[in-house]
């Protein structure tokens, strides 16, 4: 079995489910005010970004589509995908941890929490597989 290809495909599918989980639980109503507070503390620097629903969701679903489309290359062990996988998995490990840690600190369920452990696990597996495959 090709562990890297399977890990890549798993992250792609879980990423898509995570996007749908966030959309179904009104993630932007939670995220955008936080992003605006951070921006105000940074003196007007336009980071982190603020989103509207449809461009945000379509963007995440487009990323999911690209990841799924690249799956055959991951199964083929195309070398340039290894550093992409390392960056992608690192970002998604951070994303999953942010959801989980936020829920712990706020002592309540936050949007995207249901799929966050799966995102964390699949991103960890992809990172491990990419590092072993290099």
N, C-alpha and C. Protein backbone atom coordinates (compact mmCIF):
# COMPACT_ATOMS: atom_id res chain seq x y z
N UNK A 1 0.84 -1.18 0.00
CA UNK A 1 0.00 0.00 0.00
C UNK A 1 0.88 1.24 0.00
N UNK A 2 0.45 2.27 -0.70
CA UNK A 2 1.18 3.52 -0.79
C UNK A 2 0.71 4.45 0.32
N UNK A 3 1.48 4.51 1.41
CA UNK A 3 1.07 5.30 2.58
C UNK A 3 0.98 6.78 2.26
N UNK A 4 1.91 7.32 1.48
CA UNK A 4 1.87 8.74 1.18
C UNK A 4 0.63 9.10 0.38
N UNK A 5 0.33 8.34 -0.65
CA UNK A 5 -0.86 8.61 -1.46
C UNK A 5 -2.14 8.49 -0.65
N UNK A 6 -2.22 7.47 0.18
CA UNK A 6 -3.41 7.29 1.01
C UNK A 6 -3.53 8.40 2.06
N UNK A 7 -2.42 8.81 2.63
CA UNK A 7 -2.44 9.91 3.60
C UNK A 7 -2.86 11.21 2.92
N UNK A 8 -2.38 11.45 1.72
CA UNK A 8 -2.75 12.65 0.96
C UNK A 8 -4.25 12.65 0.68
N UNK A 9 -4.75 11.54 0.16
CA UNK A 9 -6.17 11.43 -0.16
C UNK A 9 -7.02 11.58 1.09
N UNK A 10 -6.59 10.99 2.19
CA UNK A 10 -7.34 11.10 3.44
C UNK A 10 -7.41 12.56 3.90
N UNK A 11 -6.30 13.27 3.85
CA UNK A 11 -6.32 14.68 4.25
C UNK A 11 -7.23 15.48 3.32
N UNK A 12 -7.20 15.20 2.03
CA UNK A 12 -8.05 15.92 1.09
C UNK A 12 -9.53 15.74 1.44
N UNK A 13 -9.93 14.52 1.72
CA UNK A 13 -11.33 14.23 2.06
C UNK A 13 -11.69 14.87 3.40
N UNK A 14 -10.83 14.72 4.39
CA UNK A 14 -11.10 15.28 5.71
C UNK A 14 -11.13 16.81 5.65
N UNK A 15 -10.26 17.41 4.85
CA UNK A 15 -10.26 18.87 4.68
C UNK A 15 -11.61 19.33 4.14
N UNK A 16 -12.13 18.61 3.16
CA UNK A 16 -13.45 18.95 2.61
C UNK A 16 -14.55 18.83 3.65
N UNK A 17 -14.52 17.76 4.44
CA UNK A 17 -15.50 17.61 5.51
C UNK A 17 -15.35 18.70 6.57
N UNK A 18 -14.12 19.09 6.85
CA UNK A 18 -13.88 20.15 7.82
C UNK A 18 -14.47 21.48 7.32
N UNK A 19 -14.30 21.76 6.03
CA UNK A 19 -14.89 22.98 5.45
C UNK A 19 -16.41 22.95 5.59
N UNK A 20 -17.02 21.80 5.34
CA UNK A 20 -18.47 21.68 5.47
C UNK A 20 -18.90 21.78 6.93
N UNK A 21 -18.12 21.22 7.84
CA UNK A 21 -18.39 21.33 9.28
C UNK A 21 -18.38 22.80 9.70
N UNK A 22 -17.36 23.52 9.25
CA UNK A 22 -17.28 24.94 9.59
C UNK A 22 -18.47 25.71 9.00
N UNK A 23 -18.82 25.42 7.77
CA UNK A 23 -19.94 26.12 7.12
C UNK A 23 -21.26 25.83 7.85
N UNK A 24 -21.44 24.59 8.25
CA UNK A 24 -22.69 24.19 8.91
C UNK A 24 -22.81 24.74 10.32
N UNK A 25 -21.70 25.11 10.94
CA UNK A 25 -21.73 25.60 12.33
C UNK A 25 -21.43 27.09 12.42
N UNK A 26 -21.59 27.81 11.32
CA UNK A 26 -21.45 29.27 11.26
C UNK A 26 -20.08 29.74 11.75
N UNK A 27 -19.06 29.14 11.20
CA UNK A 27 -17.69 29.47 11.57
C UNK A 27 -17.37 30.95 11.42
N UNK A 28 -17.81 31.56 10.34
CA UNK A 28 -17.44 32.95 10.08
C UNK A 28 -18.01 33.91 11.12
N UNK A 29 -19.16 33.58 11.70
CA UNK A 29 -19.71 34.43 12.76
C UNK A 29 -18.82 34.41 13.99
N UNK A 30 -18.05 33.36 14.16
CA UNK A 30 -17.11 33.25 15.27
C UNK A 30 -15.74 33.80 14.88
N UNK A 31 -15.31 33.50 13.66
CA UNK A 31 -13.97 33.86 13.21
C UNK A 31 -13.82 35.35 12.90
N UNK A 32 -14.73 35.91 12.10
CA UNK A 32 -14.56 37.30 11.64
C UNK A 32 -14.42 38.31 12.77
N UNK A 33 -15.24 38.27 13.83
CA UNK A 33 -15.03 39.23 14.93
C UNK A 33 -13.65 39.07 15.59
N UNK A 34 -13.20 37.84 15.69
CA UNK A 34 -11.86 37.60 16.26
C UNK A 34 -10.79 38.19 15.35
N UNK A 35 -10.92 37.98 14.06
CA UNK A 35 -9.96 38.53 13.10
C UNK A 35 -9.95 40.05 13.16
N UNK A 36 -11.12 40.66 13.29
CA UNK A 36 -11.19 42.12 13.38
C UNK A 36 -10.54 42.65 14.66
N UNK A 37 -10.70 41.92 15.76
CA UNK A 37 -10.03 42.33 17.02
C UNK A 37 -8.52 42.24 16.88
N UNK A 38 -8.04 41.19 16.26
CA UNK A 38 -6.60 41.03 16.06
C UNK A 38 -6.08 42.15 15.17
N UNK A 39 -6.81 42.47 14.10
CA UNK A 39 -6.42 43.57 13.20
C UNK A 39 -6.31 44.89 13.95
N UNK A 40 -7.26 45.15 14.84
CA UNK A 40 -7.24 46.42 15.58
C UNK A 40 -6.01 46.51 16.47
N UNK A 41 -5.56 45.38 17.00
CA UNK A 41 -4.34 45.36 17.83
C UNK A 41 -3.07 45.48 17.00
N UNK A 42 -3.16 45.17 15.71
CA UNK A 42 -2.00 45.24 14.82
C UNK A 42 -1.91 46.58 14.10
N UNK A 43 -2.73 47.53 14.50
CA UNK A 43 -2.65 48.86 13.93
C UNK A 43 -3.12 48.98 12.50
N UNK A 44 -4.10 48.19 12.10
CA UNK A 44 -4.66 48.31 10.76
C UNK A 44 -4.04 47.41 9.71
N UNK A 45 -3.08 46.59 10.09
CA UNK A 45 -2.52 45.63 9.14
C UNK A 45 -3.65 44.66 8.73
N UNK A 46 -3.88 44.47 7.44
CA UNK A 46 -5.01 43.63 7.01
C UNK A 46 -4.76 42.13 7.16
N UNK A 47 -4.41 41.75 8.37
CA UNK A 47 -4.19 40.33 8.69
C UNK A 47 -4.68 40.10 10.10
N UNK A 48 -5.36 39.05 10.35
CA UNK A 48 -5.81 37.99 9.46
C UNK A 48 -6.96 38.45 8.56
N UNK A 49 -7.18 37.74 7.47
CA UNK A 49 -8.24 38.16 6.54
C UNK A 49 -9.63 37.99 7.15
N UNK A 50 -10.56 38.76 6.64
CA UNK A 50 -11.97 38.65 6.99
C UNK A 50 -12.69 38.17 5.73
N UNK A 51 -13.66 37.28 5.89
CA UNK A 51 -14.29 36.63 4.75
C UNK A 51 -15.80 36.84 4.73
N UNK A 52 -16.38 36.73 3.54
CA UNK A 52 -17.82 36.57 3.39
C UNK A 52 -18.06 35.10 3.05
N UNK A 53 -19.29 34.65 3.30
CA UNK A 53 -19.56 33.21 3.28
C UNK A 53 -19.24 32.52 1.96
N UNK A 54 -19.86 32.93 0.86
CA UNK A 54 -19.70 32.16 -0.39
C UNK A 54 -18.29 32.16 -0.94
N UNK A 55 -17.59 33.29 -1.00
CA UNK A 55 -16.20 33.21 -1.47
C UNK A 55 -15.33 32.33 -0.57
N UNK A 56 -15.57 32.40 0.73
CA UNK A 56 -14.81 31.57 1.69
C UNK A 56 -15.08 30.09 1.44
N UNK A 57 -16.37 29.72 1.39
CA UNK A 57 -16.71 28.31 1.20
C UNK A 57 -16.25 27.80 -0.15
N UNK A 58 -16.48 28.57 -1.21
CA UNK A 58 -16.06 28.13 -2.54
C UNK A 58 -14.53 28.02 -2.62
N UNK A 59 -13.83 28.90 -1.93
CA UNK A 59 -12.37 28.80 -1.88
C UNK A 59 -11.91 27.52 -1.22
N UNK A 60 -12.52 27.18 -0.07
CA UNK A 60 -12.15 25.94 0.62
C UNK A 60 -12.51 24.71 -0.20
N UNK A 61 -13.66 24.75 -0.85
CA UNK A 61 -14.05 23.61 -1.68
C UNK A 61 -13.16 23.50 -2.92
N UNK A 62 -12.68 24.63 -3.42
CA UNK A 62 -11.72 24.60 -4.55
C UNK A 62 -10.40 23.98 -4.12
N UNK A 63 -9.94 24.35 -2.92
CA UNK A 63 -8.71 23.74 -2.39
C UNK A 63 -8.91 22.23 -2.27
N UNK A 64 -10.07 21.83 -1.77
CA UNK A 64 -10.37 20.40 -1.65
C UNK A 64 -10.31 19.72 -3.01
N UNK A 65 -10.89 20.37 -4.02
CA UNK A 65 -10.86 19.81 -5.37
C UNK A 65 -9.45 19.67 -5.91
N UNK A 66 -8.61 20.66 -5.67
CA UNK A 66 -7.21 20.60 -6.13
C UNK A 66 -6.48 19.47 -5.41
N UNK A 67 -6.70 19.36 -4.11
CA UNK A 67 -6.04 18.28 -3.35
C UNK A 67 -6.47 16.91 -3.87
N UNK A 68 -7.76 16.76 -4.13
CA UNK A 68 -8.24 15.49 -4.68
C UNK A 68 -7.66 15.23 -6.07
N UNK A 69 -7.56 16.28 -6.89
CA UNK A 69 -7.01 16.13 -8.24
C UNK A 69 -5.53 15.75 -8.21
N UNK A 70 -4.82 16.18 -7.17
CA UNK A 70 -3.39 15.85 -7.05
C UNK A 70 -3.15 14.46 -6.44
N UNK A 71 -4.20 13.82 -5.98
CA UNK A 71 -4.04 12.49 -5.35
C UNK A 71 -3.33 11.47 -6.23
N UNK A 72 -3.63 11.37 -7.54
CA UNK A 72 -2.88 10.41 -8.36
C UNK A 72 -1.37 10.69 -8.35
N UNK A 73 -0.99 11.97 -8.30
CA UNK A 73 0.44 12.30 -8.23
C UNK A 73 1.04 11.87 -6.90
N UNK A 74 0.25 11.99 -5.83
CA UNK A 74 0.73 11.54 -4.52
C UNK A 74 0.93 10.03 -4.52
N UNK A 75 0.00 9.32 -5.14
CA UNK A 75 0.18 7.87 -5.25
C UNK A 75 1.38 7.52 -6.11
N UNK A 76 1.73 8.39 -7.05
CA UNK A 76 2.89 8.18 -7.90
C UNK A 76 4.19 8.68 -7.29
N UNK A 77 4.13 9.17 -6.06
CA UNK A 77 5.32 9.66 -5.34
C UNK A 77 6.06 10.75 -6.12
N UNK A 78 5.30 11.69 -6.68
CA UNK A 78 5.92 12.82 -7.37
C UNK A 78 6.65 13.65 -6.33
N UNK A 79 7.94 13.85 -6.55
CA UNK A 79 8.84 14.40 -5.53
C UNK A 79 8.45 15.80 -5.06
N UNK A 80 7.98 16.67 -5.95
CA UNK A 80 7.67 18.04 -5.53
C UNK A 80 6.47 18.11 -4.59
N UNK A 81 5.71 17.03 -4.49
CA UNK A 81 4.57 17.03 -3.57
C UNK A 81 4.99 16.86 -2.11
N UNK A 82 6.18 16.33 -1.86
CA UNK A 82 6.60 16.12 -0.47
C UNK A 82 6.72 17.43 0.30
N UNK A 83 7.41 18.44 -0.21
CA UNK A 83 7.42 19.71 0.54
C UNK A 83 6.05 20.38 0.60
N UNK A 84 5.25 20.21 -0.44
CA UNK A 84 3.88 20.74 -0.40
C UNK A 84 3.10 20.06 0.72
N UNK A 85 3.27 18.76 0.84
CA UNK A 85 2.58 18.00 1.88
C UNK A 85 3.03 18.43 3.27
N UNK A 86 4.31 18.73 3.42
CA UNK A 86 4.82 19.17 4.72
C UNK A 86 4.19 20.50 5.11
N UNK A 87 4.14 21.44 4.18
CA UNK A 87 3.51 22.74 4.46
C UNK A 87 2.02 22.56 4.71
N UNK A 88 1.35 21.83 3.86
CA UNK A 88 -0.09 21.59 3.98
C UNK A 88 -0.43 20.92 5.31
N UNK A 89 0.32 19.91 5.67
CA UNK A 89 0.02 19.20 6.92
C UNK A 89 0.32 20.08 8.13
N UNK A 90 1.38 20.86 8.07
CA UNK A 90 1.70 21.75 9.19
C UNK A 90 0.59 22.78 9.41
N UNK A 91 0.09 23.37 8.33
CA UNK A 91 -1.01 24.33 8.43
C UNK A 91 -2.25 23.67 9.03
N UNK A 92 -2.55 22.46 8.60
CA UNK A 92 -3.75 21.78 9.07
C UNK A 92 -3.60 21.23 10.48
N UNK A 93 -2.40 20.90 10.89
CA UNK A 93 -2.18 20.55 12.29
C UNK A 93 -2.48 21.77 13.16
N UNK A 94 -1.97 22.93 12.74
CA UNK A 94 -2.26 24.17 13.46
C UNK A 94 -3.74 24.48 13.48
N UNK A 95 -4.42 24.29 12.35
CA UNK A 95 -5.86 24.54 12.27
C UNK A 95 -6.62 23.64 13.23
N UNK A 96 -6.33 22.37 13.20
CA UNK A 96 -7.01 21.44 14.11
C UNK A 96 -6.76 21.78 15.56
N UNK A 97 -5.50 22.09 15.88
CA UNK A 97 -5.17 22.46 17.26
C UNK A 97 -5.87 23.74 17.70
N UNK A 98 -5.98 24.71 16.80
CA UNK A 98 -6.66 25.96 17.15
C UNK A 98 -8.12 25.72 17.52
N UNK A 99 -8.80 24.87 16.77
CA UNK A 99 -10.19 24.55 17.09
C UNK A 99 -10.29 23.87 18.46
N UNK A 100 -9.44 22.89 18.68
CA UNK A 100 -9.49 22.12 19.93
C UNK A 100 -9.10 22.98 21.13
N UNK A 101 -8.02 23.73 21.02
CA UNK A 101 -7.57 24.58 22.12
C UNK A 101 -8.58 25.69 22.40
N UNK A 102 -9.17 26.25 21.36
CA UNK A 102 -10.20 27.28 21.55
C UNK A 102 -11.38 26.73 22.33
N UNK A 103 -11.80 25.53 21.99
CA UNK A 103 -12.92 24.91 22.71
C UNK A 103 -12.58 24.68 24.18
N UNK A 104 -11.35 24.27 24.43
CA UNK A 104 -10.93 24.04 25.81
C UNK A 104 -10.88 25.35 26.59
N UNK A 105 -10.27 26.36 25.99
CA UNK A 105 -10.14 27.65 26.67
C UNK A 105 -11.49 28.34 26.87
N UNK A 106 -12.36 28.24 25.89
CA UNK A 106 -13.68 28.90 25.98
C UNK A 106 -14.71 28.04 26.73
N UNK A 107 -14.33 26.79 26.97
CA UNK A 107 -15.20 25.84 27.67
C UNK A 107 -16.56 25.68 26.98
N UNK A 108 -16.50 25.63 25.65
CA UNK A 108 -17.71 25.40 24.86
C UNK A 108 -17.31 24.87 23.48
N UNK A 109 -18.30 24.33 22.81
CA UNK A 109 -18.06 23.84 21.45
C UNK A 109 -17.91 25.03 20.51
N UNK A 110 -16.86 25.02 19.72
CA UNK A 110 -16.64 26.08 18.74
C UNK A 110 -16.91 25.51 17.34
N UNK A 111 -17.22 26.38 16.37
CA UNK A 111 -17.45 25.89 15.01
C UNK A 111 -16.23 25.13 14.46
N UNK A 112 -16.51 24.01 13.82
CA UNK A 112 -15.44 23.20 13.24
C UNK A 112 -14.83 22.20 14.20
N UNK A 113 -15.30 22.16 15.43
CA UNK A 113 -14.69 21.28 16.44
C UNK A 113 -14.92 19.80 16.14
N UNK A 114 -16.07 19.47 15.60
CA UNK A 114 -16.39 18.06 15.37
C UNK A 114 -15.36 17.40 14.45
N UNK A 115 -14.97 18.09 13.40
CA UNK A 115 -14.03 17.51 12.43
C UNK A 115 -12.57 17.80 12.77
N UNK A 116 -12.31 18.68 13.73
CA UNK A 116 -10.93 19.08 14.04
C UNK A 116 -10.03 17.90 14.44
N UNK A 117 -10.50 16.96 15.28
CA UNK A 117 -9.61 15.83 15.61
C UNK A 117 -9.23 15.00 14.38
N UNK A 118 -10.17 14.85 13.45
CA UNK A 118 -9.89 14.10 12.23
C UNK A 118 -8.90 14.86 11.34
N UNK A 119 -9.06 16.18 11.31
CA UNK A 119 -8.12 17.01 10.55
C UNK A 119 -6.73 16.89 11.16
N UNK A 120 -6.65 16.97 12.46
CA UNK A 120 -5.37 16.86 13.16
C UNK A 120 -4.72 15.50 12.89
N UNK A 121 -5.50 14.44 12.99
CA UNK A 121 -4.96 13.09 12.78
C UNK A 121 -4.51 12.88 11.33
N UNK A 122 -5.33 13.30 10.36
CA UNK A 122 -4.96 13.08 8.96
C UNK A 122 -3.78 13.95 8.56
N UNK A 123 -3.70 15.16 9.10
CA UNK A 123 -2.55 16.03 8.80
C UNK A 123 -1.28 15.47 9.43
N UNK A 124 -1.39 14.94 10.62
CA UNK A 124 -0.24 14.30 11.26
C UNK A 124 0.25 13.10 10.47
N UNK A 125 -0.68 12.31 9.97
CA UNK A 125 -0.33 11.14 9.16
C UNK A 125 0.34 11.58 7.86
N UNK A 126 -0.18 12.64 7.22
CA UNK A 126 0.44 13.11 5.98
C UNK A 126 1.85 13.63 6.26
N UNK A 127 2.03 14.37 7.34
CA UNK A 127 3.36 14.88 7.68
C UNK A 127 4.33 13.71 7.88
N UNK A 128 3.92 12.74 8.65
CA UNK A 128 4.75 11.56 8.90
C UNK A 128 5.08 10.84 7.59
N UNK A 129 4.08 10.64 6.74
CA UNK A 129 4.29 9.94 5.47
C UNK A 129 5.22 10.73 4.54
N UNK A 130 5.03 12.04 4.50
CA UNK A 130 5.87 12.86 3.63
C UNK A 130 7.33 12.82 4.08
N UNK A 131 7.54 12.95 5.38
CA UNK A 131 8.92 12.92 5.89
C UNK A 131 9.58 11.57 5.67
N UNK A 132 8.82 10.50 5.79
CA UNK A 132 9.37 9.15 5.55
C UNK A 132 9.65 8.90 4.08
N UNK A 133 8.88 9.56 3.21
CA UNK A 133 9.00 9.32 1.77
C UNK A 133 10.12 10.11 1.11
N UNK A 134 10.59 11.14 1.79
CA UNK A 134 11.61 12.01 1.18
C UNK A 134 12.94 11.30 1.09
